[in-house]
Protein backbone atom coordinates (compact mmCIF):
# COMPACT_ATOMS: atom_id res chain seq x y z
CA MET A 1 -10.72 14.11 -19.92
CA SER A 2 -7.93 16.44 -20.91
CA GLN A 3 -4.22 15.77 -20.47
CA GLN A 4 -4.12 18.50 -17.83
CA GLU A 5 -6.87 16.79 -15.83
CA ALA A 6 -5.08 13.43 -16.11
CA LEU A 7 -1.92 15.14 -14.86
CA TRP A 8 -3.84 16.55 -11.87
CA VAL A 9 -5.14 13.09 -10.99
CA SER A 10 -1.60 11.68 -11.18
CA GLU A 11 -0.35 14.49 -8.95
CA TYR A 12 -3.14 13.84 -6.43
CA ILE A 13 -2.22 10.15 -6.36
CA GLU A 14 1.47 10.99 -5.84
CA SER A 15 0.57 13.47 -3.12
CA ALA A 16 -1.68 10.99 -1.30
CA CYS A 17 1.04 8.32 -1.51
CA GLY A 18 3.66 10.79 -0.28
CA GLN A 19 1.55 11.79 2.72
CA ALA A 20 1.13 8.12 3.63
CA ALA A 21 4.87 7.38 3.04
CA LEU A 22 4.02 5.03 0.17
CA ASP A 23 5.67 4.49 -3.20
CA PRO A 24 3.73 6.68 -5.67
CA GLN A 25 4.81 4.41 -8.54
CA ASP A 26 3.28 1.31 -6.93
CA GLU A 27 0.73 -0.05 -9.40
CA GLU A 28 -1.78 -1.16 -6.75
CA TYR A 29 -1.90 2.29 -5.19
CA ARG A 30 -2.06 4.02 -8.57
CA SER A 31 -4.88 1.71 -9.68
CA ALA A 32 -6.80 2.37 -6.47
CA GLY A 33 -6.40 6.12 -6.96
CA TRP A 34 -7.48 6.03 -10.58
CA ALA A 35 -10.45 3.75 -9.83
CA SER A 36 -11.56 6.17 -7.13
CA PHE A 37 -11.25 9.09 -9.51
CA MET A 38 -13.21 7.32 -12.25
CA THR A 39 -16.02 6.45 -9.84
CA HIS A 40 -16.23 10.07 -8.68
CA TYR A 41 -15.89 11.36 -12.27
CA ARG A 42 -18.79 9.20 -13.50
CA SER A 43 -21.03 10.23 -10.62
CA CYS A 44 -20.51 13.97 -11.11
CA ASP A 45 -22.32 16.09 -13.67
CA CYS A 46 -19.64 18.73 -14.02
CA LEU A 47 -15.85 18.64 -13.70
CA TRP A 48 -15.90 22.28 -12.84
CA ALA A 49 -18.34 22.08 -9.94
CA PRO A 50 -16.94 24.20 -7.10
CA ASP A 51 -15.75 21.29 -4.96
CA PHE A 52 -15.21 18.57 -7.58
CA TRP A 53 -11.39 18.59 -7.47
CA SER A 54 -11.16 18.90 -3.69
CA ASP A 55 -13.57 15.94 -3.45
CA VAL A 56 -11.37 14.05 -5.92
CA GLN A 57 -8.33 14.61 -3.68
CA GLU A 58 -10.21 13.30 -0.64
CA HIS A 59 -11.57 10.26 -2.51
CA ILE A 60 -8.14 9.37 -3.90
CA ALA A 61 -6.48 9.69 -0.48
CA GLU A 62 -9.19 7.49 1.08
CA ALA A 63 -8.90 4.86 -1.68
CA ILE A 64 -5.12 4.71 -1.29
CA TRP A 65 -5.45 4.44 2.49
CA GLN A 66 -7.93 1.55 2.08
CA GLU A 67 -5.58 -0.17 -0.37
CA LYS A 68 -2.76 0.22 2.16
CA GLN A 69 -4.97 -1.35 4.84
CA LYS A 70 -5.79 -4.29 2.53
CA ARG A 71 -2.12 -4.79 1.68
CA THR A 72 -1.13 -4.60 5.33
CA ALA A 73 -3.71 -7.24 6.23
CA ARG A 74 -2.55 -9.46 3.35
CA LEU A 75 1.13 -9.12 4.28
CA TYR A 76 0.40 -9.63 7.97
CA GLN A 77 -1.36 -12.89 7.16
CA GLU A 78 1.74 -14.00 5.27
CA LEU A 79 3.90 -13.50 8.35
CA SER A 80 1.69 -13.82 11.35
CA LEU A 81 3.44 -14.32 14.65
CA ASN A 82 0.99 -17.14 15.30
CA ARG A 83 1.68 -18.93 12.01
CA LEU A 84 3.48 -22.25 12.35
CA LEU A 85 7.13 -22.09 11.34
CA LEU A 86 6.93 -25.50 9.70
CA PRO A 87 3.77 -27.39 8.73
CA GLU A 88 4.84 -30.36 10.85
CA SER A 89 5.86 -28.13 13.78
CA ASN A 90 3.72 -26.97 16.66
CA GLU A 91 5.84 -23.84 17.20
CA SER A 92 5.20 -20.39 15.83
CA PHE A 93 7.39 -17.30 15.64
CA LEU A 94 5.63 -16.11 18.79
CA ASP A 95 6.76 -19.27 20.61
CA LEU A 96 10.38 -18.34 19.92
CA LEU A 97 10.07 -15.02 21.69
CA PRO A 98 11.24 -14.82 25.30
CA ALA A 99 8.68 -16.26 27.65
CA ARG A 100 6.72 -13.61 29.52
CA SER A 101 7.47 -15.46 32.71
CA GLY A 102 11.09 -14.36 32.43
CA ASP A 103 12.85 -17.25 30.70
CA PHE A 104 16.10 -15.30 30.49
CA THR A 105 18.14 -18.08 28.83
CA ASN A 106 15.68 -18.41 25.96
CA GLY A 107 15.48 -14.62 25.57
CA VAL A 108 19.25 -14.13 25.48
CA ALA A 109 19.74 -16.98 23.04
CA PHE A 110 16.98 -15.71 20.78
CA PHE A 111 18.21 -12.12 20.71
CA ASP A 112 21.80 -13.27 20.27
CA TYR A 113 20.66 -15.29 17.26
CA ILE A 114 18.76 -12.30 15.86
CA GLY A 115 21.86 -10.13 16.44
CA HIS A 116 23.93 -12.38 14.18
CA LEU A 117 21.50 -12.24 11.25
CA PRO A 118 22.30 -10.03 8.24
CA ARG A 119 21.50 -6.37 8.86
CA THR A 120 18.35 -6.34 6.72
CA LEU A 121 16.86 -9.28 8.61
CA ARG A 122 17.82 -7.77 11.99
CA CYS A 123 16.01 -4.56 11.03
CA LEU A 124 12.89 -6.40 9.88
CA ALA A 125 12.89 -8.61 12.99
CA ARG A 126 13.25 -5.54 15.21
CA TYR A 127 10.22 -3.87 13.65
CA ILE A 128 8.16 -7.06 13.96
CA LEU A 129 9.17 -7.55 17.58
CA GLU A 130 8.28 -3.93 18.35
CA GLY A 131 4.77 -4.54 17.02
CA TYR A 132 4.94 -2.70 13.70
CA THR A 133 2.91 -4.06 10.80
CA LEU A 134 4.84 -5.26 7.79
CA GLU A 135 3.62 -2.26 5.80
CA GLU A 136 4.89 0.11 8.52
CA ALA A 137 8.23 -1.71 8.61
CA ARG A 138 8.46 -1.52 4.81
CA SER A 139 7.74 2.19 4.92
CA HIS A 140 10.30 2.88 7.69
CA LEU A 141 12.96 0.84 5.92
CA GLY A 142 12.23 2.41 2.53
CA TRP A 143 11.82 -0.99 0.88
CA SER A 144 9.71 -1.99 -2.08
CA ALA A 145 7.03 -4.64 -1.59
CA GLU A 146 9.25 -7.16 -3.41
CA THR A 147 12.20 -6.44 -1.11
CA LEU A 148 9.95 -6.83 1.93
CA LEU A 149 8.54 -10.17 0.76
CA SER A 150 12.05 -11.43 -0.01
CA ALA A 151 13.25 -10.39 3.47
CA VAL A 152 10.18 -12.02 5.05
CA GLU A 153 11.06 -15.31 3.33
CA GLU A 154 14.68 -15.03 4.49
CA LEU A 155 13.53 -14.28 8.04
CA ARG A 156 11.23 -17.30 7.96
CA ARG A 157 14.15 -19.49 6.92
CA ALA A 158 16.28 -17.99 9.69
CA MET A 159 13.56 -18.68 12.26
CA ARG A 160 13.28 -22.27 11.03
CA ALA A 161 17.06 -22.61 11.43
CA TYR A 162 16.82 -21.16 14.94
CA GLU A 163 14.10 -23.67 15.77
CA GLU A 164 16.45 -26.52 14.82
CA ILE A 165 19.24 -25.34 17.15
């Protein structure tokens, strides 16, 4: 493969990441894009077939989308609303939300507590409460995966502290 062709593949990966609002320098997404290209490259007889490069773009975009779905599922499992806040507790994050029956006192106290958290945690909590996935929240907030995981841990600690009030 020539340097020009390698450059095209990198540009396709960056383009696919950009269209999905993902970090084009993220190693997992880059690896998924390159793996997709190599699979397509090995299965094709000619790099200059009429639709080879358009097929490459589609395969890379699909591979990056699938990697995003895997990451979203993995991150969601790390902070599931149904996950217990503490191993010895029977309460989850979902249990701390206002009761659907209209428990106004609990709702006001909970949202007041959220309102006093640092701005980054308030933003993350808002996205979670609005039903966004962690990957969508990360994308909207412009955070790296590391920043998101750090904020998730801080939010977990904050929810544990709220549970003790």
